[in-house]
PDB file of N, CA and C in Angstrom:
ATOM      1  N   MET A   1     -20.162-103.844 -84.455  1.00  0.00           N
ATOM      2  CA  MET A   1     -20.134-105.201 -83.979  1.00  0.00           C
ATOM      3  C   MET A   1     -21.497-105.882 -84.172  1.00  0.00           C
ATOM      4  N   PHE A   2     -22.584-105.169 -83.864  1.00  0.00           N
ATOM      5  CA  PHE A   2     -23.921-105.740 -84.001  1.00  0.00           C
ATOM      6  C   PHE A   2     -24.176-106.203 -85.436  1.00  0.00           C
ATOM      7  N   PHE A   3     -23.942-105.325 -86.404  1.00  0.00           N
ATOM      8  CA  PHE A   3     -24.238-105.657 -87.791  1.00  0.00           C
ATOM      9  C   PHE A   3     -23.319-106.767 -88.315  1.00  0.00           C
ATOM     10  N   ARG A   4     -22.080-106.777 -87.895  1.00  0.00           N
ATOM     11  CA  ARG A   4     -21.152-107.847 -88.301  1.00  0.00           C
ATOM     12  C   ARG A   4     -21.644-109.215 -87.833  1.00  0.00           C
ATOM     13  N   ALA A   5     -22.285-109.256 -86.663  1.00  0.00           N
ATOM     14  CA  ALA A   5     -22.789-110.525 -86.126  1.00  0.00           C
ATOM     15  C   ALA A   5     -23.863-111.147 -87.018  1.00  0.00           C
ATOM     16  N   PHE A   6     -24.453-110.356 -87.904  1.00  0.00           N
ATOM     17  CA  PHE A   6     -25.487-110.837 -88.808  1.00  0.00           C
ATOM     18  C   PHE A   6     -24.986-110.949 -90.247  1.00  0.00           C
ATOM     19  N   GLY A   7     -23.665-110.926 -90.407  1.00  0.00           N
ATOM     20  CA  GLY A   7     -23.070-111.180 -91.715  1.00  0.00           C
ATOM     21  C   GLY A   7     -22.707-109.965 -92.539  1.00  0.00           C
ATOM     22  N   PHE A   8     -22.995-108.761 -92.041  1.00  0.00           N
ATOM     23  CA  PHE A   8     -22.587-107.568 -92.779  1.00  0.00           C
ATOM     24  C   PHE A   8     -21.073-107.405 -92.641  1.00  0.00           C
ATOM     25  N   SER A   9     -20.452-106.838 -93.674  1.00  0.00           N
ATOM     26  CA  SER A   9     -19.003-106.740 -93.696  1.00  0.00           C
ATOM     27  C   SER A   9     -18.559-105.440 -94.348  1.00  0.00           C
ATOM     28  N   GLY A  10     -17.443-104.918 -93.857  1.00  0.00           N
ATOM     29  CA  GLY A  10     -16.859-103.727 -94.459  1.00  0.00           C
ATOM     30  C   GLY A  10     -16.376-103.980 -95.875  1.00  0.00           C
ATOM     31  N   ASP A  11     -16.169-105.244 -96.199  1.00  0.00           N
ATOM     32  CA  ASP A  11     -15.744-105.613 -97.553  1.00  0.00           C
ATOM     33  C   ASP A  11     -16.889-105.561 -98.551  1.00  0.00           C
ATOM     34  N   ARG A  12     -18.121-105.583 -98.049  1.00  0.00           N
ATOM     35  CA  ARG A  12     -19.310-105.566 -98.913  1.00  0.00           C
ATOM     36  C   ARG A  12     -20.285-104.501 -98.429  1.00  0.00           C
ATOM     37  N   LEU A  13     -19.824-103.256 -98.429  1.00  0.00           N
ATOM     38  CA  LEU A  13     -20.680-102.154 -97.970  1.00  0.00           C
ATOM     39  C   LEU A  13     -21.934-102.014 -98.825  1.00  0.00           C
ATOM     40  N   ASP A  14     -21.849-102.405-100.088  1.00  0.00           N
ATOM     41  CA  ASP A  14     -23.008-102.314-100.965  1.00  0.00           C
ATOM     42  C   ASP A  14     -24.187-103.132-100.430  1.00  0.00           C
ATOM     43  N   VAL A  15     -23.897-104.263 -99.787  1.00  0.00           N
ATOM     44  CA  VAL A  15     -24.952-105.109 -99.228  1.00  0.00           C
ATOM     45  C   VAL A  15     -25.626-104.398 -98.058  1.00  0.00           C
ATOM     46  N   MET A  16     -24.840-103.789 -97.196  1.00  0.00           N
ATOM     47  CA  MET A  16     -25.413-103.075 -96.051  1.00  0.00           C
ATOM     48  C   MET A  16     -26.178-101.832 -96.504  1.00  0.00           C
ATOM     49  N   ILE A  17     -25.624-101.099 -97.438  1.00  0.00           N
ATOM     50  CA  ILE A  17     -26.300 -99.903 -97.953  1.00  0.00           C
ATOM     51  C   ILE A  17     -27.658-100.282 -98.537  1.00  0.00           C
ATOM     52  N   ALA A  18     -27.688-101.338 -99.337  1.00  0.00           N
ATOM     53  CA  ALA A  18     -28.951-101.772 -99.945  1.00  0.00           C
ATOM     54  C   ALA A  18     -29.969-102.194 -98.881  1.00  0.00           C
ATOM     55  N   ALA A  19     -29.513-102.904 -97.849  1.00  0.00           N
ATOM     56  CA  ALA A  19     -30.419-103.343 -96.785  1.00  0.00           C
ATOM     57  C   ALA A  19     -30.988-102.157 -96.014  1.00  0.00           C
ATOM     58  N   LEU A  20     -30.139-101.175 -95.724  1.00  0.00           N
ATOM     59  CA  LEU A  20     -30.610-100.004 -94.977  1.00  0.00           C
ATOM     60  C   LEU A  20     -31.557 -99.152 -95.816  1.00  0.00           C
ATOM     61  N   ILE A  21     -31.254 -98.981 -97.093  1.00  0.00           N
ATOM     62  CA  ILE A  21     -32.142 -98.213 -97.964  1.00  0.00           C
ATOM     63  C   ILE A  21     -33.512 -98.882 -98.069  1.00  0.00           C
ATOM     64  N   ALA A  22     -33.548-100.211 -98.116  1.00  0.00           N
ATOM     65  CA  ALA A  22     -34.814-100.939 -98.248  1.00  0.00           C
ATOM     66  C   ALA A  22     -35.603-100.979 -96.940  1.00  0.00           C
ATOM     67  N   HIS A  23     -34.926-100.784 -95.809  1.00  0.00           N
ATOM     68  CA  HIS A  23     -35.566-100.958 -94.502  1.00  0.00           C
ATOM     69  C   HIS A  23     -36.883-100.189 -94.334  1.00  0.00           C
ATOM     70  N   PRO A  24     -36.940 -98.880 -94.612  1.00  0.00           N
ATOM     71  CA  PRO A  24     -38.222 -98.184 -94.390  1.00  0.00           C
ATOM     72  C   PRO A  24     -39.308 -98.572 -95.391  1.00  0.00           C
ATOM     73  N   ASP A  25     -38.931 -99.149 -96.526  1.00  0.00           N
ATOM     74  CA  ASP A  25     -39.936 -99.595 -97.489  1.00  0.00           C
ATOM     75  C   ASP A  25     -40.537-100.937 -97.084  1.00  0.00           C
ATOM     76  N   LEU A  26     -39.796-101.715 -96.299  1.00  0.00           N
ATOM     77  CA  LEU A  26     -40.227-103.062 -95.931  1.00  0.00           C
ATOM     78  C   LEU A  26     -40.811-103.155 -94.525  1.00  0.00           C
ATOM     79  N   ASN A  27     -40.775-102.047 -93.789  1.00  0.00           N
ATOM     80  CA  ASN A  27     -41.205-102.056 -92.388  1.00  0.00           C
ATOM     81  C   ASN A  27     -42.058-100.834 -92.082  1.00  0.00           C
ATOM     82  N   PRO A  28     -42.839-100.915 -91.008  1.00  0.00           N
ATOM     83  CA  PRO A  28     -43.687 -99.779 -90.659  1.00  0.00           C
ATOM     84  C   PRO A  28     -42.875 -98.578 -90.160  1.00  0.00           C
ATOM     85  N   VAL A  29     -43.321 -97.408 -90.565  1.00  0.00           N
ATOM     86  CA  VAL A  29     -42.779 -96.167 -90.009  1.00  0.00           C
ATOM     87  C   VAL A  29     -43.575 -95.921 -88.739  1.00  0.00           C
ATOM     88  N   GLU A  30     -42.882 -95.920 -87.598  1.00  0.00           N
ATOM     89  CA  GLU A  30     -43.594 -95.823 -86.329  1.00  0.00           C
ATOM     90  C   GLU A  30     -43.629 -94.416 -85.759  1.00  0.00           C
ATOM     91  N   GLN A  31     -42.818 -93.537 -86.296  1.00  0.00           N
ATOM     92  CA  GLN A  31     -42.811 -92.169 -85.769  1.00  0.00           C
ATOM     93  C   GLN A  31     -42.441 -91.196 -86.883  1.00  0.00           C
ATOM     94  N   VAL A  32     -43.147 -90.070 -86.920  1.00  0.00           N
ATOM     95  CA  VAL A  32     -42.844 -88.975 -87.839  1.00  0.00           C
ATOM     96  C   VAL A  32     -42.841 -87.712 -87.011  1.00  0.00           C
ATOM     97  N   ARG A  33     -41.775 -86.920 -87.130  1.00  0.00           N
ATOM     98  CA  ARG A  33     -41.676 -85.677 -86.357  1.00  0.00           C
ATOM     99  C   ARG A  33     -41.080 -84.593 -87.237  1.00  0.00           C
ATOM    100  N   THR A  34     -41.680 -83.422 -87.220  1.00  0.00           N
ATOM    101  CA  THR A  34     -41.196 -82.301 -88.022  1.00  0.00           C
ATOM    102  C   THR A  34     -40.781 -81.161 -87.109  1.00  0.00           C
ATOM    103  N   ASP A  35     -39.624 -80.578 -87.408  1.00  0.00           N
ATOM    104  CA  ASP A  35     -39.148 -79.398 -86.693  1.00  0.00           C
ATOM    105  C   ASP A  35     -38.353 -78.535 -87.673  1.00  0.00           C
ATOM    106  N   GLN A  36     -37.585 -77.579 -87.173  1.00  0.00           N
ATOM    107  CA  GLN A  36     -36.877 -76.658 -88.052  1.00  0.00           C
ATOM    108  C   GLN A  36     -35.813 -77.334 -88.918  1.00  0.00           C
ATOM    109  N   TRP A  37     -35.382 -78.555 -88.558  1.00  0.00           N
ATOM    110  CA  TRP A  37     -34.350 -79.258 -89.321  1.00  0.00           C
ATOM    111  C   TRP A  37     -34.943 -80.164 -90.394  1.00  0.00           C
ATOM    112  N   GLY A  38     -36.252 -80.368 -90.348  1.00  0.00           N
ATOM    113  CA  GLY A  38     -36.903 -81.188 -91.353  1.00  0.00           C
ATOM    114  C   GLY A  38     -37.856 -82.190 -90.741  1.00  0.00           C
ATOM    115  N   THR A  39     -38.221 -83.180 -91.527  1.00  0.00           N
ATOM    116  CA  THR A  39     -39.125 -84.226 -91.071  1.00  0.00           C
ATOM    117  C   THR A  39     -38.327 -85.504 -90.879  1.00  0.00           C
ATOM    118  N   ARG A  40     -38.412 -86.051 -89.656  1.00  0.00           N
ATOM    119  CA  ARG A  40     -37.712 -87.288 -89.318  1.00  0.00           C
ATOM    120  C   ARG A  40     -38.698 -88.445 -89.301  1.00  0.00           C
ATOM    121  N   TYR A  41     -38.239 -89.556 -89.828  1.00  0.00           N
ATOM    122  CA  TYR A  41     -39.023 -90.782 -89.877  1.00  0.00           C
ATOM    123  C   TYR A  41     -38.239 -91.884 -89.170  1.00  0.00           C
ATOM    124  N   VAL A  42     -38.939 -92.655 -88.338  1.00  0.00           N
ATOM    125  CA  VAL A  42     -38.314 -93.790 -87.664  1.00  0.00           C
ATOM    126  C   VAL A  42     -39.038 -95.049 -88.127  1.00  0.00           C
ATOM    127  N   ALA A  43     -38.271 -95.972 -88.721  1.00  0.00           N
ATOM    128  CA  ALA A  43     -38.815 -97.263 -89.161  1.00  0.00           C
ATOM    129  C   ALA A  43     -38.271 -98.344 -88.236  1.00  0.00           C
ATOM    130  N   ARG A  44     -39.106 -99.319 -87.926  1.00  0.00           N
ATOM    131  CA  ARG A  44     -38.712-100.375 -86.990  1.00  0.00           C
ATOM    132  C   ARG A  44     -38.957-101.755 -87.589  1.00  0.00           C
ATOM    133  N   CYS A  45     -38.043-102.581 -87.424  1.00  0.00           N
ATOM    134  CA  CYS A  45     -38.032-104.031 -87.444  1.00  0.00           C
ATOM    135  C   CYS A  45     -37.086-104.592 -88.483  1.00  0.00           C
ATOM    136  N   ASN A  46     -37.393-105.724 -89.044  1.00  0.00           N
ATOM    137  CA  ASN A  46     -36.422-106.564 -89.713  1.00  0.00           C
ATOM    138  C   ASN A  46     -35.655-105.889 -90.846  1.00  0.00           C
ATOM    139  N   VAL A  47     -34.349-106.074 -90.799  1.00  0.00           N
ATOM    140  CA  VAL A  47     -33.471-105.675 -91.895  1.00  0.00           C
ATOM    141  C   VAL A  47     -32.962-106.965 -92.528  1.00  0.00           C
ATOM    142  N   GLU A  48     -32.975-107.031 -93.836  1.00  0.00           N
ATOM    143  CA  GLU A  48     -32.520-108.240 -94.518  1.00  0.00           C
ATOM    144  C   GLU A  48     -31.013-108.361 -94.366  1.00  0.00           C
ATOM    145  N   SER A  49     -30.583-109.384 -93.650  1.00  0.00           N
ATOM    146  CA  SER A  49     -29.161-109.567 -93.367  1.00  0.00           C
ATOM    147  C   SER A  49     -28.575-110.696 -94.206  1.00  0.00           C
ATOM    148  N   PRO A  50     -27.262-110.636 -94.455  1.00  0.00           N
ATOM    149  CA  PRO A  50     -26.617-111.671 -95.265  1.00  0.00           C
ATOM    150  C   PRO A  50     -26.779-113.087 -94.704  1.00  0.00           C
ATOM    151  N   ASP A  51     -26.855-113.231 -93.383  1.00  0.00           N
ATOM    152  CA  ASP A  51     -26.977-114.581 -92.814  1.00  0.00           C
ATOM    153  C   ASP A  51     -28.429-115.051 -92.717  1.00  0.00           C
ATOM    154  N   GLY A  52     -29.383-114.193 -93.103  1.00  0.00           N
ATOM    155  CA  GLY A  52     -30.790-114.573 -93.140  1.00  0.00           C
ATOM    156  C   GLY A  52     -31.531-114.503 -91.822  1.00  0.00           C
ATOM    157  N   ARG A  53     -30.868-114.066 -90.749  1.00  0.00           N
ATOM    158  CA  ARG A  53     -31.557-113.988 -89.454  1.00  0.00           C
ATOM    159  C   ARG A  53     -32.390-112.717 -89.324  1.00  0.00           C
ATOM    160  N   ASN A  54     -32.098-111.693 -90.103  1.00  0.00           N
ATOM    161  CA  ASN A  54     -32.907-110.477 -90.216  1.00  0.00           C
ATOM    162  C   ASN A  54     -33.311-109.856 -88.879  1.00  0.00           C
ATOM    163  N   PRO A  55     -32.351-109.286 -88.157  1.00  0.00           N
ATOM    164  CA  PRO A  55     -32.652-108.710 -86.841  1.00  0.00           C
ATOM    165  C   PRO A  55     -33.546-107.480 -86.931  1.00  0.00           C
ATOM    166  N   CYS A  56     -34.199-107.193 -85.822  1.00  0.00           N
ATOM    167  CA  CYS A  56     -35.035-105.999 -85.726  1.00  0.00           C
ATOM    168  C   CYS A  56     -34.156-104.804 -85.379  1.00  0.00           C
ATOM    169  N   ILE A  57     -34.226-103.760 -86.193  1.00  0.00           N
ATOM    170  CA  ILE A  57     -33.461-102.536 -85.971  1.00  0.00           C
ATOM    171  C   ILE A  57     -34.382-101.333 -86.112  1.00  0.00           C
ATOM    172  N   LEU A  58     -33.857-100.186 -85.720  1.00  0.00           N
ATOM    173  CA  LEU A  58     -34.502 -98.906 -85.997  1.00  0.00           C
ATOM    174  C   LEU A  58     -33.627 -98.163 -86.984  1.00  0.00           C
ATOM    175  N   THR A  59     -34.244 -97.547 -87.979  1.00  0.00           N
ATOM    176  CA  THR A  59     -33.517 -96.610 -88.830  1.00  0.00           C
ATOM    177  C   THR A  59     -34.206 -95.263 -88.695  1.00  0.00           C
ATOM    178  N   VAL A  60     -33.409 -94.220 -88.674  1.00  0.00           N
ATOM    179  CA  VAL A  60     -33.923 -92.860 -88.583  1.00  0.00           C
ATOM    180  C   VAL A  60     -33.492 -92.121 -89.845  1.00  0.00           C
ATOM    181  N   TRP A  61     -34.455 -91.494 -90.474  1.00  0.00           N
ATOM    182  CA  TRP A  61     -34.234 -90.774 -91.724  1.00  0.00           C
ATOM    183  C   TRP A  61     -34.717 -89.342 -91.557  1.00  0.00           C
ATOM    184  N   ILE A  62     -34.095 -88.405 -92.286  1.00  0.00           N
ATOM    185  CA  ILE A  62     -34.554 -87.021 -92.257  1.00  0.00           C
ATOM    186  C   ILE A  62     -34.659 -86.473 -93.674  1.00  0.00           C
ATOM    187  N   VAL A  63     -35.724 -85.713 -93.887  1.00  0.00           N
ATOM    188  CA  VAL A  63     -35.903 -84.961 -95.125  1.00  0.00           C
ATOM    189  C   VAL A  63     -35.805 -83.489 -94.733  1.00  0.00           C
ATOM    190  N   PRO A  64     -34.683 -82.827 -95.074  1.00  0.00           N
ATOM    191  CA  PRO A  64     -34.532 -81.419 -94.712  1.00  0.00           C
ATOM    192  C   PRO A  64     -35.576 -80.533 -95.409  1.00  0.00           C
ATOM    193  N   PRO A  65     -35.875 -79.383 -94.827  1.00  0.00           N
ATOM    194  CA  PRO A  65     -36.845 -78.469 -95.438  1.00  0.00           C
ATOM    195  C   PRO A  65     -36.465 -78.157 -96.888  1.00  0.00           C
ATOM    196  N   GLY A  66     -37.460 -78.173 -97.752  1.00  0.00           N
ATOM    197  CA  GLY A  66     -37.238 -77.844 -99.152  1.00  0.00           C
ATOM    198  C   GLY A  66     -36.645 -78.972 -99.988  1.00  0.00           C
ATOM    199  N   GLN A  67     -36.419 -80.127 -99.389  1.00  0.00           N
ATOM    200  CA  GLN A  67     -35.881 -81.264-100.130  1.00  0.00           C
ATOM    201  C   GLN A  67     -36.905 -82.394-100.164  1.00  0.00           C
ATOM    202  N   VAL A  68     -36.680 -83.361-101.042  1.00  0.00           N
ATOM    203  CA  VAL A  68     -37.609 -84.487-101.147  1.00  0.00           C
ATOM    204  C   VAL A  68     -36.948 -85.813-100.805  1.00  0.00           C
ATOM    205  N   ASP A  69     -35.636 -85.877-100.866  1.00  0.00           N
ATOM    206  CA  ASP A  69     -34.928 -87.126-100.596  1.00  0.00           C
ATOM    207  C   ASP A  69     -34.543 -87.229 -99.131  1.00  0.00           C
ATOM    208  N   ALA A  70     -34.760 -88.415 -98.574  1.00  0.00           N
ATOM    209  CA  ALA A  70     -34.409 -88.673 -97.184  1.00  0.00           C
ATOM    210  C   ALA A  70     -32.936 -89.063 -97.080  1.00  0.00           C
ATOM    211  N   THR A  71     -32.327 -88.702 -95.948  1.00  0.00           N
ATOM    212  CA  THR A  71     -30.953 -89.067 -95.633  1.00  0.00           C
ATOM    213  C   THR A  71     -30.972 -89.916 -94.374  1.00  0.00           C
ATOM    214  N   LEU A  72     -30.205 -90.994 -94.389  1.00  0.00           N
ATOM    215  CA  LEU A  72     -30.106 -91.842 -93.201  1.00  0.00           C
ATOM    216  C   LEU A  72     -29.351 -91.099 -92.114  1.00  0.00           C
ATOM    217  N   VAL A  73     -29.927 -91.052 -90.916  1.00  0.00           N
ATOM    218  CA  VAL A  73     -29.306 -90.420 -89.768  1.00  0.00           C
ATOM    219  C   VAL A  73     -28.560 -91.467 -88.941  1.00  0.00           C
ATOM    220  N   THR A  74     -29.243 -92.577 -88.637  1.00  0.00           N
ATOM    221  CA  THR A  74     -28.633 -93.627 -87.820  1.00  0.00           C
ATOM    222  C   THR A  74     -29.409 -94.925 -87.981  1.00  0.00           C
ATOM    223  N   ALA A  75     -28.766 -96.011 -87.589  1.00  0.00           N
ATOM    224  CA  ALA A  75     -29.398 -97.323 -87.546  1.00  0.00           C
ATOM    225  C   ALA A  75     -28.840 -98.051 -86.336  1.00  0.00           C
ATOM    226  N   TYR A  76     -29.728 -98.680 -85.545  1.00  0.00           N
ATOM    227  CA  TYR A  76     -29.263 -99.360 -84.344  1.00  0.00           C
ATOM    228  C   TYR A  76     -30.254-100.450 -83.945  1.00  0.00           C
ATOM    229  N   PRO A  77     -29.807-101.397 -83.100  1.00  0.00           N
ATOM    230  CA  PRO A  77     -30.686-102.492 -82.689  1.00  0.00           C
ATOM    231  C   PRO A  77     -31.924-101.967 -81.957  1.00  0.00           C
ATOM    232  N   ALA A  78     -33.070-102.580 -82.239  1.00  0.00           N
ATOM    233  CA  ALA A  78     -34.302-102.253 -81.524  1.00  0.00           C
ATOM    234  C   ALA A  78     -34.262-102.919 -80.161  1.00  0.00           C
ATOM    235  N   ASP A  79     -35.099-102.433 -79.260  1.00  0.00           N
ATOM    236  CA  ASP A  79     -35.183-102.997 -77.906  1.00  0.00           C
ATOM    237  C   ASP A  79     -35.492-104.470 -77.945  1.00  0.00           C
TER     238      ASP A  79
END
């Protein structure tokens, strides 16, 4: 519901995927934590939205041990 309010749509998942992938490159990484499951990165703030309002969100990414590519864990509204 949150993402739909900013113009994201299930009909255009490519737009949301592109916005989420770009999020950590366009915003500061505020937390890095490493444990047995890998290294987690938390990026905070604006995601480029279709309606141009660009809400502040958090994205969490993980790079499992022995890998180099990050996988999106979750994305949700920031406080």
